[in-house]
Amino acid sequence: MLSVAACRVLGVLVEKQATVPDSYPLSLNALVAGCNQKTAREPVMALADAEVLQALDELKARSLVVESSGNRVVRFEHNAPRALRLPGAAVALLALLMLRGPQTAAELRLHTERLHRFADISSVEAFLQELAEHDPPQVVKLARAPGARESRWAHLLAGEVGLAAADDASPDQTAPARREPPDGVSAGDFAALQAEVAALRRLVEAMATELGLDTAALPR
């Protein structure tokens, strides 16, 4: 099992290999910035250099990270596919779960677009199922939230931490806020509509983040 900081570092290395290949492997400064960035991260963290170095030592001890030197700057790259015995597509899914917390298969397909392009949601679900059946299991399918149409998935690389992140999620990330349904609408239908709106909001926020737009202007 990995620490929360180690999971964030590993996820950043996988992400940046695909999104900024010209800067990869990453220097310590670039890695710290990637860990602490405000967008596309759940939760947002504020790791110090010493904490990232400690996480790197943890990952190197498990052969998940390799250190190299170039132009007098120490750089770091991940070795996740070989160390975890997983294909690149599965590693991409794990990276997004480490960076953004529990997500549905549809959300994962959207968020992994720059890391690995999945043909459809069923292919994402197939890889998730393989990860769940891996020895040891790498992901778990969470119980569906009340009113939600889809179940979310969480990684298990940090043990129970992945599940705790799901339990501590804010209301707009899981079940919709409780409000009284309007006249003529059943409680069940109203809950389903709220869950659908919450899911659509998460997708819009993810798309806005990918386009570099300010999500603060979105209606609440």
C-alpha atoms as a PDB file:
ATOM      1  CA  MET A   1       0.000   0.000   0.000  1.00  0.00           C
ATOM      2  CA  LEU A   2       1.140   3.513  -0.790  1.00  0.00           C
ATOM      3  CA  SER A   3       0.753   6.750   1.146  1.00  0.00           C
ATOM      4  CA  VAL A   4      -1.621   9.427  -0.119  1.00  0.00           C
ATOM      5  CA  ALA A   5       1.336  11.599  -1.135  1.00  0.00           C
ATOM      6  CA  ALA A   6       2.955   8.721  -3.038  1.00  0.00           C
ATOM      7  CA  CYS A   7      -0.288   8.107  -4.940  1.00  0.00           C
ATOM      8  CA  ARG A   8      -0.446  11.779  -5.927  1.00  0.00           C
ATOM      9  CA  VAL A   9       3.194  11.763  -7.087  1.00  0.00           C
ATOM     10  CA  LEU A  10       2.722   8.584  -9.118  1.00  0.00           C
ATOM     11  CA  GLY A  11      -0.462   9.917 -10.697  1.00  0.00           C
ATOM     12  CA  VAL A  12       1.259  13.159 -11.684  1.00  0.00           C
ATOM     13  CA  LEU A  13       4.163  11.313 -13.310  1.00  0.00           C
ATOM     14  CA  VAL A  14       1.786   9.187 -15.382  1.00  0.00           C
ATOM     15  CA  GLU A  15      -0.250  12.248 -16.368  1.00  0.00           C
ATOM     16  CA  LYS A  16       2.671  14.493 -17.295  1.00  0.00           C
ATOM     17  CA  GLN A  17       4.357  11.804 -19.371  1.00  0.00           C
ATOM     18  CA  ALA A  18       1.388  12.048 -21.741  1.00  0.00           C
ATOM     19  CA  THR A  19       0.490  15.738 -21.445  1.00  0.00           C
ATOM     20  CA  VAL A  20       3.939  17.411 -21.367  1.00  0.00           C
ATOM     21  CA  PRO A  21       6.301  14.896 -22.994  1.00  0.00           C
ATOM     22  CA  ASP A  22       8.905  17.585 -23.754  1.00  0.00           C
ATOM     23  CA  SER A  23       9.355  18.215 -20.009  1.00  0.00           C
ATOM     24  CA  TYR A  24       9.339  14.561 -19.012  1.00  0.00           C
ATOM     25  CA  PRO A  25      11.008  13.067 -16.924  1.00  0.00           C
ATOM     26  CA  LEU A  26      10.081  15.690 -14.336  1.00  0.00           C
ATOM     27  CA  SER A  27      12.326  17.743 -12.091  1.00  0.00           C
ATOM     28  CA  LEU A  28      11.437  18.032  -8.414  1.00  0.00           C
ATOM     29  CA  ASN A  29      10.070  21.550  -8.933  1.00  0.00           C
ATOM     30  CA  ALA A  30       7.830  20.441 -11.802  1.00  0.00           C
ATOM     31  CA  LEU A  31       6.657  17.427  -9.829  1.00  0.00           C
ATOM     32  CA  VAL A  32       5.748  19.523  -6.762  1.00  0.00           C
ATOM     33  CA  ALA A  33       3.853  21.966  -8.994  1.00  0.00           C
ATOM     34  CA  GLY A  34       1.948  19.092 -10.595  1.00  0.00           C
ATOM     35  CA  CYS A  35       1.033  17.644  -7.213  1.00  0.00           C
ATOM     36  CA  ASN A  36      -0.258  20.982  -5.926  1.00  0.00           C
ATOM     37  CA  GLN A  37      -2.042  22.342  -8.978  1.00  0.00           C
ATOM     38  CA  LYS A  38      -5.539  23.654  -8.334  1.00  0.00           C
ATOM     39  CA  THR A  39      -7.279  22.144 -11.380  1.00  0.00           C
ATOM     40  CA  ALA A  40      -7.954  18.486 -12.181  1.00  0.00           C
ATOM     41  CA  ARG A  41      -7.115  17.441  -8.612  1.00  0.00           C
ATOM     42  CA  GLU A  42      -9.353  16.003  -5.898  1.00  0.00           C
ATOM     43  CA  PRO A  43      -8.468  16.798  -3.246  1.00  0.00           C
ATOM     44  CA  VAL A  44      -6.281  19.847  -3.847  1.00  0.00           C
ATOM     45  CA  MET A  45      -3.044  19.342  -1.897  1.00  0.00           C
ATOM     46  CA  ALA A  46      -0.157  21.510  -0.720  1.00  0.00           C
ATOM     47  CA  LEU A  47       2.808  19.159  -0.523  1.00  0.00           C
ATOM     48  CA  ALA A  48       6.210  20.543   0.452  1.00  0.00           C
ATOM     49  CA  ASP A  49       9.419  19.529  -1.349  1.00  0.00           C
ATOM     50  CA  ALA A  50      10.388  17.289   1.569  1.00  0.00           C
ATOM     51  CA  GLU A  51       7.048  15.466   1.447  1.00  0.00           C
ATOM     52  CA  VAL A  52       7.377  14.838  -2.297  1.00  0.00           C
ATOM     53  CA  LEU A  53      10.951  13.579  -1.821  1.00  0.00           C
ATOM     54  CA  GLN A  54       9.740  11.213   0.885  1.00  0.00           C
ATOM     55  CA  ALA A  55       6.999   9.980  -1.446  1.00  0.00           C
ATOM     56  CA  LEU A  56       9.573   9.475  -4.200  1.00  0.00           C
ATOM     57  CA  ASP A  57      11.718   7.361  -1.861  1.00  0.00           C
ATOM     58  CA  GLU A  58       8.651   5.271  -1.092  1.00  0.00           C
ATOM     59  CA  LEU A  59       7.920   4.786  -4.794  1.00  0.00           C
ATOM     60  CA  LYS A  60      11.552   4.022  -5.662  1.00  0.00           C
ATOM     61  CA  ALA A  61      11.633   1.334  -2.972  1.00  0.00           C
ATOM     62  CA  ARG A  62       8.760  -0.365  -4.818  1.00  0.00           C
ATOM     63  CA  SER A  63      10.368   0.115  -8.257  1.00  0.00           C
ATOM     64  CA  LEU A  64       7.510   2.425  -9.260  1.00  0.00           C
ATOM     65  CA  VAL A  65       9.794   5.410  -9.912  1.00  0.00           C
ATOM     66  CA  VAL A  66      13.209   5.676 -11.547  1.00  0.00           C
ATOM     67  CA  GLU A  67      15.613   8.545 -10.938  1.00  0.00           C
ATOM     68  CA  SER A  68      17.867   9.963 -13.639  1.00  0.00           C
ATOM     69  CA  SER A  69      20.247  12.910 -13.980  1.00  0.00           C
ATOM     70  CA  GLY A  70      20.450  15.338 -16.870  1.00  0.00           C
ATOM     71  CA  ASN A  71      21.880  18.853 -17.179  1.00  0.00           C
ATOM     72  CA  ARG A  72      22.744  18.747 -13.464  1.00  0.00           C
ATOM     73  CA  VAL A  73      19.055  18.386 -12.560  1.00  0.00           C
ATOM     74  CA  VAL A  74      17.718  15.187 -11.027  1.00  0.00           C
ATOM     75  CA  ARG A  75      14.625  13.994 -12.833  1.00  0.00           C
ATOM     76  CA  PHE A  76      12.023  11.338 -12.093  1.00  0.00           C
ATOM     77  CA  GLU A  77       9.924   9.009 -14.245  1.00  0.00           C
ATOM     78  CA  HIS A  78       7.434   6.309 -13.381  1.00  0.00           C
ATOM     79  CA  ASN A  79       7.773   2.583 -13.987  1.00  0.00           C
ATOM     80  CA  ALA A  80       4.148   1.746 -13.215  1.00  0.00           C
ATOM     81  CA  PRO A  81       3.292  -0.670 -16.071  1.00  0.00           C
ATOM     82  CA  ARG A  82       6.210  -2.963 -15.294  1.00  0.00           C
ATOM     83  CA  ALA A  83       6.092  -2.651 -11.493  1.00  0.00           C
ATOM     84  CA  LEU A  84       2.322  -3.169 -11.297  1.00  0.00           C
ATOM     85  CA  ARG A  85       2.226  -5.664 -14.183  1.00  0.00           C
ATOM     86  CA  LEU A  86      -0.478  -3.692 -15.958  1.00  0.00           C
ATOM     87  CA  PRO A  87      -1.055  -2.392 -19.509  1.00  0.00           C
ATOM     88  CA  GLY A  88      -0.838   1.321 -20.211  1.00  0.00           C
ATOM     89  CA  ALA A  89      -4.614   1.739 -20.453  1.00  0.00           C
ATOM     90  CA  ALA A  90      -5.087   0.349 -16.955  1.00  0.00           C
ATOM     91  CA  VAL A  91      -2.299   2.563 -15.599  1.00  0.00           C
ATOM     92  CA  ALA A  92      -4.036   5.606 -17.124  1.00  0.00           C
ATOM     93  CA  LEU A  93      -7.242   4.741 -15.257  1.00  0.00           C
ATOM     94  CA  LEU A  94      -5.386   4.284 -11.985  1.00  0.00           C
ATOM     95  CA  ALA A  95      -3.613   7.608 -12.473  1.00  0.00           C
ATOM     96  CA  LEU A  96      -6.911   9.468 -12.897  1.00  0.00           C
ATOM     97  CA  LEU A  97      -8.384   7.777  -9.834  1.00  0.00           C
ATOM     98  CA  MET A  98      -5.308   8.828  -7.841  1.00  0.00           C
ATOM     99  CA  LEU A  99      -5.507  12.400  -9.139  1.00  0.00           C
ATOM    100  CA  ARG A 100      -9.270  13.021  -9.088  1.00  0.00           C
ATOM    101  CA  GLY A 101     -10.703  10.532  -6.614  1.00  0.00           C
ATOM    102  CA  PRO A 102     -13.627   8.129  -7.205  1.00  0.00           C
ATOM    103  CA  GLN A 103     -15.309   8.470 -10.612  1.00  0.00           C
ATOM    104  CA  THR A 104     -17.794   6.713 -12.837  1.00  0.00           C
ATOM    105  CA  ALA A 105     -16.699   4.876 -15.970  1.00  0.00           C
ATOM    106  CA  ALA A 106     -18.092   7.722 -18.091  1.00  0.00           C
ATOM    107  CA  GLU A 107     -16.111  10.316 -16.151  1.00  0.00           C
ATOM    108  CA  LEU A 108     -12.959   8.235 -16.420  1.00  0.00           C
ATOM    109  CA  ARG A 109     -13.338   7.929 -20.175  1.00  0.00           C
ATOM    110  CA  LEU A 110     -13.611  11.721 -20.447  1.00  0.00           C
ATOM    111  CA  HIS A 111     -10.734  12.481 -18.099  1.00  0.00           C
ATOM    112  CA  THR A 112      -8.310   9.938 -19.599  1.00  0.00           C
ATOM    113  CA  GLU A 113      -8.718  11.319 -23.124  1.00  0.00           C
ATOM    114  CA  ARG A 114      -5.196  12.792 -23.153  1.00  0.00           C
ATOM    115  CA  LEU A 115      -3.608   9.767 -21.492  1.00  0.00           C
ATOM    116  CA  HIS A 116      -5.352   6.954 -23.345  1.00  0.00           C
ATOM    117  CA  ARG A 117      -8.261   7.095 -25.750  1.00  0.00           C
ATOM    118  CA  PHE A 118     -10.867   4.449 -24.972  1.00  0.00           C
ATOM    119  CA  ALA A 119     -13.254   3.449 -27.761  1.00  0.00           C
ATOM    120  CA  ASP A 120     -16.324   3.534 -25.521  1.00  0.00           C
ATOM    121  CA  ILE A 121     -17.476   3.287 -21.927  1.00  0.00           C
ATOM    122  CA  SER A 122     -17.722  -0.506 -22.110  1.00  0.00           C
ATOM    123  CA  SER A 123     -13.991  -0.722 -22.818  1.00  0.00           C
ATOM    124  CA  VAL A 124     -13.321   1.409 -19.736  1.00  0.00           C
ATOM    125  CA  GLU A 125     -15.538  -0.879 -17.678  1.00  0.00           C
ATOM    126  CA  ALA A 126     -13.706  -3.926 -19.016  1.00  0.00           C
ATOM    127  CA  PHE A 127     -10.341  -2.575 -17.866  1.00  0.00           C
ATOM    128  CA  LEU A 128     -11.826  -1.598 -14.505  1.00  0.00           C
ATOM    129  CA  GLN A 129     -13.154  -5.108 -14.051  1.00  0.00           C
ATOM    130  CA  GLU A 130      -9.711  -6.534 -14.837  1.00  0.00           C
ATOM    131  CA  LEU A 131      -8.190  -4.192 -12.269  1.00  0.00           C
ATOM    132  CA  ALA A 132     -10.779  -5.298  -9.707  1.00  0.00           C
ATOM    133  CA  GLU A 133      -9.890  -8.952 -10.364  1.00  0.00           C
ATOM    134  CA  HIS A 134      -6.143  -8.310 -10.370  1.00  0.00           C
ATOM    135  CA  ASP A 135      -4.008 -10.023  -7.732  1.00  0.00           C
ATOM    136  CA  PRO A 136      -3.992  -7.966  -5.564  1.00  0.00           C
ATOM    137  CA  PRO A 137      -7.077  -5.935  -6.547  1.00  0.00           C
ATOM    138  CA  GLN A 138      -6.237  -2.417  -7.715  1.00  0.00           C
ATOM    139  CA  VAL A 139      -9.732  -0.874  -7.799  1.00  0.00           C
ATOM    140  CA  VAL A 140     -13.117  -1.402  -6.195  1.00  0.00           C
ATOM    141  CA  LYS A 141     -16.616  -0.587  -7.402  1.00  0.00           C
ATOM    142  CA  LEU A 142     -18.372   1.546  -4.801  1.00  0.00           C
ATOM    143  CA  ALA A 143     -21.991   1.190  -3.783  1.00  0.00           C
ATOM    144  CA  ARG A 144     -24.198   3.405  -5.924  1.00  0.00           C
ATOM    145  CA  ALA A 145     -25.199   6.639  -4.189  1.00  0.00           C
ATOM    146  CA  PRO A 146     -28.929   7.247  -3.603  1.00  0.00           C
ATOM    147  CA  GLY A 147     -30.495   8.507  -6.815  1.00  0.00           C
ATOM    148  CA  ALA A 148     -27.315   7.985  -8.860  1.00  0.00           C
ATOM    149  CA  ARG A 149     -27.517   6.106 -12.143  1.00  0.00           C
ATOM    150  CA  GLU A 150     -23.928   4.883 -12.163  1.00  0.00           C
ATOM    151  CA  SER A 151     -21.551   3.499  -9.578  1.00  0.00           C
ATOM    152  CA  ARG A 152     -18.176   5.092  -9.029  1.00  0.00           C
ATOM    153  CA  TRP A 153     -14.818   3.341  -8.859  1.00  0.00           C
ATOM    154  CA  ALA A 154     -11.969   3.981  -6.401  1.00  0.00           C
ATOM    155  CA  HIS A 155      -8.345   2.837  -6.448  1.00  0.00           C
ATOM    156  CA  LEU A 156      -6.922   0.585  -3.739  1.00  0.00           C
ATOM    157  CA  LEU A 157      -3.255   1.488  -4.027  1.00  0.00           C
ATOM    158  CA  ALA A 158      -3.510   3.339  -0.718  1.00  0.00           C
ATOM    159  CA  GLY A 159      -5.719   0.719   0.908  1.00  0.00           C
ATOM    160  CA  GLU A 160      -8.763   2.082   2.697  1.00  0.00           C
ATOM    161  CA  VAL A 161      -7.767   5.640   1.799  1.00  0.00           C
ATOM    162  CA  GLY A 162      -9.395   5.224  -1.600  1.00  0.00           C
ATOM    163  CA  LEU A 163     -12.663   4.271   0.089  1.00  0.00           C
ATOM    164  CA  ALA A 164     -12.375   7.016   2.692  1.00  0.00           C
ATOM    165  CA  ALA A 165     -12.102   9.587  -0.068  1.00  0.00           C
ATOM    166  CA  ALA A 166     -15.449   8.372  -1.394  1.00  0.00           C
ATOM    167  CA  ASP A 167     -17.091   8.557   2.027  1.00  0.00           C
ATOM    168  CA  ASP A 168     -15.798  12.097   2.622  1.00  0.00           C
ATOM    169  CA  ALA A 169     -16.837  13.432  -0.793  1.00  0.00           C
ATOM    170  CA  SER A 170     -18.888  16.594  -0.784  1.00  0.00           C
ATOM    171  CA  PRO A 171     -22.661  16.271  -1.449  1.00  0.00           C
ATOM    172  CA  ASP A 172     -22.457  17.601  -5.010  1.00  0.00           C
ATOM    173  CA  GLN A 173     -19.944  14.854  -5.862  1.00  0.00           C
ATOM    174  CA  THR A 174     -22.139  12.011  -4.641  1.00  0.00           C
ATOM    175  CA  ALA A 175     -25.819  12.272  -3.840  1.00  0.00           C
ATOM    176  CA  PRO A 176     -27.711  15.446  -4.747  1.00  0.00           C
ATOM    177  CA  ALA A 177     -28.655  17.941  -2.052  1.00  0.00           C
ATOM    178  CA  ARG A 178     -31.911  17.108  -0.342  1.00  0.00           C
ATOM    179  CA  ARG A 179     -34.745  19.379  -1.474  1.00  0.00           C
ATOM    180  CA  GLU A 180     -38.492  18.989  -1.578  1.00  0.00           C
ATOM    181  CA  PRO A 181     -39.776  17.810  -4.992  1.00  0.00           C
ATOM    182  CA  PRO A 182     -42.194  20.152  -6.786  1.00  0.00           C
ATOM    183  CA  ASP A 183     -45.883  19.301  -6.946  1.00  0.00           C
ATOM    184  CA  GLY A 184     -46.673  16.402  -9.230  1.00  0.00           C
ATOM    185  CA  VAL A 185     -43.140  14.940  -9.150  1.00  0.00           C
ATOM    186  CA  SER A 186     -42.407  11.845  -7.096  1.00  0.00           C
ATOM    187  CA  ALA A 187     -39.519  11.810  -4.649  1.00  0.00           C
ATOM    188  CA  GLY A 188     -37.790   9.050  -6.630  1.00  0.00           C
ATOM    189  CA  ASP A 189     -38.015  10.902  -9.943  1.00  0.00           C
ATOM    190  CA  PHE A 190     -36.854  14.129  -8.320  1.00  0.00           C
ATOM    191  CA  ALA A 191     -33.816  12.408  -6.766  1.00  0.00           C
ATOM    192  CA  ALA A 192     -32.928  10.864 -10.125  1.00  0.00           C
ATOM    193  CA  LEU A 193     -33.133  14.279 -11.813  1.00  0.00           C
ATOM    194  CA  GLN A 194     -30.916  15.854  -9.157  1.00  0.00           C
ATOM    195  CA  ALA A 195     -28.340  13.084  -9.568  1.00  0.00           C
ATOM    196  CA  GLU A 196     -28.344  13.539 -13.337  1.00  0.00           C
ATOM    197  CA  VAL A 197     -27.835  17.299 -12.996  1.00  0.00           C
ATOM    198  CA  ALA A 198     -24.945  16.703 -10.563  1.00  0.00           C
ATOM    199  CA  ALA A 199     -23.329  14.255 -12.997  1.00  0.00           C
ATOM    200  CA  LEU A 200     -23.739  16.699 -15.894  1.00  0.00           C
ATOM    201  CA  ARG A 201     -22.206  19.453 -13.788  1.00  0.00           C
ATOM    202  CA  ARG A 202     -19.149  17.303 -13.068  1.00  0.00           C
ATOM    203  CA  LEU A 203     -18.740  16.616 -16.784  1.00  0.00           C
ATOM    204  CA  VAL A 204     -19.056  20.321 -17.654  1.00  0.00           C
ATOM    205  CA  GLU A 205     -16.509  21.228 -14.976  1.00  0.00           C
ATOM    206  CA  ALA A 206     -14.116  18.591 -16.302  1.00  0.00           C
ATOM    207  CA  MET A 207     -14.486  19.879 -19.870  1.00  0.00           C
ATOM    208  CA  ALA A 208     -14.003  23.482 -18.697  1.00  0.00           C
ATOM    209  CA  THR A 209     -10.859  22.473 -16.836  1.00  0.00           C
ATOM    210  CA  GLU A 210      -9.443  20.742 -19.912  1.00  0.00           C
ATOM    211  CA  LEU A 211     -10.112  23.917 -21.946  1.00  0.00           C
ATOM    212  CA  GLY A 212      -8.568  26.146 -19.302  1.00  0.00           C
ATOM    213  CA  LEU A 213     -11.850  27.937 -18.495  1.00  0.00           C
ATOM    214  CA  ASP A 214     -12.824  29.303 -15.082  1.00  0.00           C
ATOM    215  CA  THR A 215     -15.296  26.936 -13.434  1.00  0.00           C
ATOM    216  CA  ALA A 216     -16.118  29.446 -10.676  1.00  0.00           C
ATOM    217  CA  ALA A 217     -18.535  31.185 -13.036  1.00  0.00           C
ATOM    218  CA  LEU A 218     -20.704  28.090 -13.406  1.00  0.00           C
ATOM    219  CA  PRO A 219     -24.110  28.343 -11.659  1.00  0.00           C
ATOM    220  CA  ARG A 220     -24.511  26.476  -8.383  1.00  0.00           C
END
